[in-house]
Amino acid sequence: MNDRPRLLERELESLMRQAYSPAARAGMSATQKREIRRMFMAGAQAFSRLLMANLEHTETDEPTAQDLALMDALQAELAAFGQDLNNGLA
């Protein structure tokens, strides 16, 4: 692995701590941990593809109104999921 930060791996570790108790994490099989990682990374890939396909490409680096609306919609959906997760509903 190169010297780049492993941003997604750190997010996965944080999510695991948030979603599972220490006892539950300790009791997970290697297969279960691998499948959780696969699904997390698949979600990250889908999110990346969604952004790349829908952000407007302009001659400037400034975001467009459509870009900002997309980011707001995605943030709202992810915030709702986070709230559901914290409340034991996800």
C-alpha atoms as a PDB file:
ATOM      1  CA  MET A   1       0.000   0.000   0.000  1.00  0.00           C
ATOM      2  CA  ASN A   2       1.236   3.500  -0.707  1.00  0.00           C
ATOM      3  CA  ASP A   3       1.515   6.350   1.795  1.00  0.00           C
ATOM      4  CA  ARG A   4      -1.915   7.812   1.039  1.00  0.00           C
ATOM      5  CA  PRO A   5      -4.323   8.044   3.968  1.00  0.00           C
ATOM      6  CA  ARG A   6      -6.887   5.296   4.138  1.00  0.00           C
ATOM      7  CA  LEU A   7      -9.872   7.594   4.514  1.00  0.00           C
ATOM      8  CA  LEU A   8     -12.554   5.021   3.736  1.00  0.00           C
ATOM      9  CA  GLU A   9     -10.963   2.414   5.994  1.00  0.00           C
ATOM     10  CA  ARG A  10     -11.022   4.919   8.861  1.00  0.00           C
ATOM     11  CA  GLU A  11     -14.682   5.684   8.149  1.00  0.00           C
ATOM     12  CA  LEU A  12     -15.475   1.969   8.151  1.00  0.00           C
ATOM     13  CA  GLU A  13     -13.724   1.544  11.495  1.00  0.00           C
ATOM     14  CA  SER A  14     -15.721   4.466  12.906  1.00  0.00           C
ATOM     15  CA  LEU A  15     -18.983   3.041  11.582  1.00  0.00           C
ATOM     16  CA  MET A  16     -18.179  -0.359  13.087  1.00  0.00           C
ATOM     17  CA  ARG A  17     -17.622   1.261  16.497  1.00  0.00           C
ATOM     18  CA  GLN A  18     -20.877   3.202  16.138  1.00  0.00           C
ATOM     19  CA  ALA A  19     -22.997   0.315  14.893  1.00  0.00           C
ATOM     20  CA  TYR A  20     -21.665  -2.604  16.951  1.00  0.00           C
ATOM     21  CA  SER A  21     -20.766  -2.984  20.601  1.00  0.00           C
ATOM     22  CA  PRO A  22     -17.206  -4.077  21.433  1.00  0.00           C
ATOM     23  CA  ALA A  23     -18.534  -7.527  22.338  1.00  0.00           C
ATOM     24  CA  ALA A  24     -20.392  -7.830  19.030  1.00  0.00           C
ATOM     25  CA  ARG A  25     -17.303  -6.760  17.064  1.00  0.00           C
ATOM     26  CA  ALA A  26     -15.138  -9.235  18.974  1.00  0.00           C
ATOM     27  CA  GLY A  27     -17.606 -12.024  18.222  1.00  0.00           C
ATOM     28  CA  MET A  28     -17.716 -11.403  14.474  1.00  0.00           C
ATOM     29  CA  SER A  29     -16.199 -14.013  12.219  1.00  0.00           C
ATOM     30  CA  ALA A  30     -13.615 -13.059   9.620  1.00  0.00           C
ATOM     31  CA  THR A  31     -16.231 -13.802   6.967  1.00  0.00           C
ATOM     32  CA  GLN A  32     -18.746 -11.434   8.556  1.00  0.00           C
ATOM     33  CA  LYS A  33     -16.149  -8.653   8.849  1.00  0.00           C
ATOM     34  CA  ARG A  34     -15.111  -9.197   5.207  1.00  0.00           C
ATOM     35  CA  GLU A  35     -18.728  -9.028   4.010  1.00  0.00           C
ATOM     36  CA  ILE A  36     -19.380  -5.832   5.985  1.00  0.00           C
ATOM     37  CA  ARG A  37     -16.250  -4.274   4.465  1.00  0.00           C
ATOM     38  CA  ARG A  38     -17.303  -5.355   0.968  1.00  0.00           C
ATOM     39  CA  MET A  39     -20.733  -3.782   1.349  1.00  0.00           C
ATOM     40  CA  PHE A  40     -19.282  -0.585   2.811  1.00  0.00           C
ATOM     41  CA  MET A  41     -16.772  -0.234  -0.015  1.00  0.00           C
ATOM     42  CA  ALA A  42     -19.431  -1.085  -2.613  1.00  0.00           C
ATOM     43  CA  GLY A  43     -21.541   1.726  -1.181  1.00  0.00           C
ATOM     44  CA  ALA A  44     -18.573   4.094  -1.340  1.00  0.00           C
ATOM     45  CA  GLN A  45     -17.992   3.131  -4.982  1.00  0.00           C
ATOM     46  CA  ALA A  46     -21.651   3.716  -5.806  1.00  0.00           C
ATOM     47  CA  PHE A  47     -21.532   7.104  -4.076  1.00  0.00           C
ATOM     48  CA  SER A  48     -18.405   8.066  -6.016  1.00  0.00           C
ATOM     49  CA  ARG A  49     -19.968   7.007  -9.328  1.00  0.00           C
ATOM     50  CA  LEU A  50     -23.134   8.948  -8.492  1.00  0.00           C
ATOM     51  CA  LEU A  51     -21.135  12.096  -7.814  1.00  0.00           C
ATOM     52  CA  MET A  52     -18.948  11.765 -10.883  1.00  0.00           C
ATOM     53  CA  ALA A  53     -21.929  11.111 -13.141  1.00  0.00           C
ATOM     54  CA  ASN A  54     -24.065  13.957 -11.814  1.00  0.00           C
ATOM     55  CA  LEU A  55     -21.777  16.840 -10.965  1.00  0.00           C
ATOM     56  CA  GLU A  56     -21.679  19.389 -13.728  1.00  0.00           C
ATOM     57  CA  HIS A  57     -18.359  19.846 -15.465  1.00  0.00           C
ATOM     58  CA  THR A  58     -17.774  23.526 -16.124  1.00  0.00           C
ATOM     59  CA  GLU A  59     -14.814  25.617 -17.194  1.00  0.00           C
ATOM     60  CA  THR A  60     -14.460  26.954 -13.660  1.00  0.00           C
ATOM     61  CA  ASP A  61     -13.920  25.093 -10.443  1.00  0.00           C
ATOM     62  CA  GLU A  62     -16.997  26.705  -8.935  1.00  0.00           C
ATOM     63  CA  PRO A  63     -19.901  24.409  -8.062  1.00  0.00           C
ATOM     64  CA  THR A  64     -23.141  25.020  -9.907  1.00  0.00           C
ATOM     65  CA  ALA A  65     -26.582  25.323  -8.323  1.00  0.00           C
ATOM     66  CA  GLN A  66     -27.286  21.783  -9.528  1.00  0.00           C
ATOM     67  CA  ASP A  67     -24.076  20.535  -7.876  1.00  0.00           C
ATOM     68  CA  LEU A  68     -25.044  22.155  -4.587  1.00  0.00           C
ATOM     69  CA  ALA A  69     -28.562  20.736  -4.766  1.00  0.00           C
ATOM     70  CA  LEU A  70     -27.135  17.253  -5.357  1.00  0.00           C
ATOM     71  CA  MET A  71     -24.767  17.579  -2.402  1.00  0.00           C
ATOM     72  CA  ASP A  72     -27.590  18.871  -0.178  1.00  0.00           C
ATOM     73  CA  ALA A  73     -29.836  15.949  -1.153  1.00  0.00           C
ATOM     74  CA  LEU A  74     -27.096  13.399  -0.522  1.00  0.00           C
ATOM     75  CA  GLN A  75     -26.169  14.992   2.795  1.00  0.00           C
ATOM     76  CA  ALA A  76     -29.796  14.972   3.929  1.00  0.00           C
ATOM     77  CA  GLU A  77     -30.200  11.293   3.027  1.00  0.00           C
ATOM     78  CA  LEU A  78     -26.976  10.333   4.804  1.00  0.00           C
ATOM     79  CA  ALA A  79     -27.849  12.428   7.866  1.00  0.00           C
ATOM     80  CA  ALA A  80     -31.233  10.697   8.097  1.00  0.00           C
ATOM     81  CA  PHE A  81     -29.513   7.312   7.925  1.00  0.00           C
ATOM     82  CA  GLY A  82     -27.059   8.373  10.642  1.00  0.00           C
ATOM     83  CA  GLN A  83     -29.922   9.445  12.864  1.00  0.00           C
ATOM     84  CA  ASP A  84     -31.734   6.175  12.258  1.00  0.00           C
ATOM     85  CA  LEU A  85     -28.527   4.297  13.041  1.00  0.00           C
ATOM     86  CA  ASN A  86     -28.066   6.192  16.314  1.00  0.00           C
ATOM     87  CA  ASN A  87     -31.682   5.459  17.223  1.00  0.00           C
ATOM     88  CA  GLY A  88     -31.372   1.743  16.489  1.00  0.00           C
ATOM     89  CA  LEU A  89     -33.659   1.949  13.469  1.00  0.00           C
ATOM     90  CA  ALA A  90     -31.138   1.214  10.717  1.00  0.00           C
END
